[in-house]
Amino acid sequence: MTTTLERLITAAQDDLQAASNGRALCRITASGAPAESVKYYEGTWAALRALARAAESDPEVLRLEAERLLVQWQADLERWSAHENSSWIPYCEGGVAGLTEFLREA
């Protein structure tokens, strides 16, 4: 895994921890409280972790895998955007942002 990817994952973890105030993610969503920032950072972390898992098996394809994942996350965002107020929208937005940031810095 590259230092860029490691740094972005750590930042996403820190952002998620700060946004959730240390509460369990399932409790935040289940409570009905606004959770957009939590879902956004959760999506960022999830997308970057998926990229890290791909890097573990073949670090040489990291950029190609990031591009493939970005297309997938963008398609998910487009699909969920048709469902107003879905918590999947900020989740997918976070994933797209995290992968875009990685590709910009890599």
Protein backbone atom coordinates (compact mmCIF):
# COMPACT_ATOMS: atom_id res chain seq x y z
CA MET A 1 0.00 0.00 0.00
CA THR A 2 1.29 3.45 -0.83
CA THR A 3 1.90 6.14 1.74
CA THR A 4 -0.71 8.28 -0.04
CA LEU A 5 -3.34 5.60 0.39
CA GLU A 6 -2.34 4.96 4.00
CA ARG A 7 -2.56 8.69 4.77
CA LEU A 8 -5.98 9.03 3.12
CA ILE A 9 -7.35 6.00 5.01
CA THR A 10 -6.08 7.41 8.31
CA ALA A 11 -7.64 10.80 7.53
CA ALA A 12 -10.96 9.13 6.67
CA GLN A 13 -10.86 7.17 9.95
CA ASP A 14 -10.15 10.36 11.89
CA ASP A 15 -12.95 12.23 10.10
CA LEU A 16 -15.38 9.36 10.72
CA GLN A 17 -14.45 9.20 14.40
CA ALA A 18 -14.92 12.96 14.78
CA ALA A 19 -18.25 13.00 12.92
CA SER A 20 -19.64 10.09 14.92
CA ASN A 21 -18.31 11.29 18.28
CA GLY A 22 -17.24 7.71 18.86
CA ARG A 23 -20.80 6.34 18.66
CA ALA A 24 -21.54 3.08 16.86
CA LEU A 25 -22.40 3.79 13.23
CA CYS A 26 -25.47 1.54 13.24
CA ARG A 27 -26.91 3.44 16.19
CA ILE A 28 -26.47 6.80 14.47
CA THR A 29 -28.31 5.70 11.34
CA ALA A 30 -30.99 3.79 13.25
CA SER A 31 -31.76 6.76 15.50
CA GLY A 32 -32.98 8.79 12.54
CA ALA A 33 -30.64 11.64 13.47
CA PRO A 34 -29.00 13.49 10.61
CA ALA A 35 -26.05 11.35 9.69
CA GLU A 36 -24.92 12.77 6.36
CA SER A 37 -21.39 13.62 7.47
CA VAL A 38 -21.01 10.26 9.20
CA LYS A 39 -22.21 8.39 6.10
CA TYR A 40 -19.95 10.53 3.89
CA TYR A 41 -16.82 9.69 5.87
CA GLU A 42 -17.90 6.07 6.21
CA GLY A 43 -18.15 5.89 2.42
CA THR A 44 -14.75 7.54 2.02
CA TRP A 45 -13.19 5.02 4.39
CA ALA A 46 -14.98 2.04 2.78
CA ALA A 47 -13.89 2.94 -0.76
CA LEU A 48 -10.28 3.50 0.27
CA ARG A 49 -10.21 0.24 2.24
CA ALA A 50 -11.54 -1.59 -0.82
CA LEU A 51 -8.67 -0.08 -2.78
CA ALA A 52 -6.19 -1.13 -0.08
CA ARG A 53 -7.46 -4.72 -0.23
CA ALA A 54 -6.85 -4.73 -4.00
CA ALA A 55 -3.34 -3.33 -3.44
CA GLU A 56 -2.51 -6.18 -1.07
CA SER A 57 -2.99 -8.73 -3.84
CA ASP A 58 -1.29 -6.75 -6.62
CA PRO A 59 0.26 -3.33 -5.87
CA GLU A 60 1.10 -2.85 -9.56
CA VAL A 61 -2.56 -2.41 -10.50
CA LEU A 62 -3.39 0.11 -7.78
CA ARG A 63 -4.16 3.01 -10.12
CA LEU A 64 -6.21 0.84 -12.48
CA GLU A 65 -8.13 -0.58 -9.53
CA ALA A 66 -8.77 2.94 -8.21
CA GLU A 67 -10.16 3.95 -11.60
CA ARG A 68 -12.35 0.82 -11.73
CA LEU A 69 -13.67 1.41 -8.22
CA LEU A 70 -14.35 5.06 -9.00
CA VAL A 71 -16.54 4.09 -11.95
CA GLN A 72 -18.41 1.64 -9.71
CA TRP A 73 -18.92 4.18 -6.92
CA GLN A 74 -20.04 6.85 -9.40
CA ALA A 75 -22.61 4.44 -10.84
CA ASP A 76 -23.86 3.66 -7.33
CA LEU A 77 -24.10 7.38 -6.58
CA GLU A 78 -26.10 7.98 -9.74
CA ARG A 79 -28.42 5.08 -8.93
CA TRP A 80 -29.02 6.17 -5.33
CA SER A 81 -29.46 9.83 -6.28
CA ALA A 82 -32.88 8.86 -7.66
CA HIS A 83 -33.96 8.09 -4.06
CA GLU A 84 -34.34 11.42 -2.30
CA ASN A 85 -32.96 11.55 1.24
CA SER A 86 -31.32 8.14 1.01
CA SER A 87 -28.40 7.71 3.40
CA TRP A 88 -26.61 5.94 0.53
CA ILE A 89 -26.19 9.28 -1.29
CA PRO A 90 -23.66 10.81 1.15
CA TYR A 91 -22.05 7.37 1.55
CA CYS A 92 -21.45 7.13 -2.21
CA GLU A 93 -20.40 10.78 -2.39
CA GLY A 94 -17.74 10.06 0.21
CA GLY A 95 -16.49 7.05 -1.73
CA VAL A 96 -16.28 9.02 -4.96
CA ALA A 97 -14.46 11.85 -3.17
CA GLY A 98 -11.96 9.50 -1.51
CA LEU A 99 -11.09 7.68 -4.72
CA THR A 100 -10.90 10.93 -6.67
CA GLU A 101 -8.52 12.35 -4.07
CA PHE A 102 -6.36 9.23 -4.26
CA LEU A 103 -6.15 9.42 -8.06
CA ARG A 104 -5.31 13.11 -7.91
CA GLU A 105 -2.47 12.53 -5.45
CA ALA A 106 -1.15 9.19 -6.69
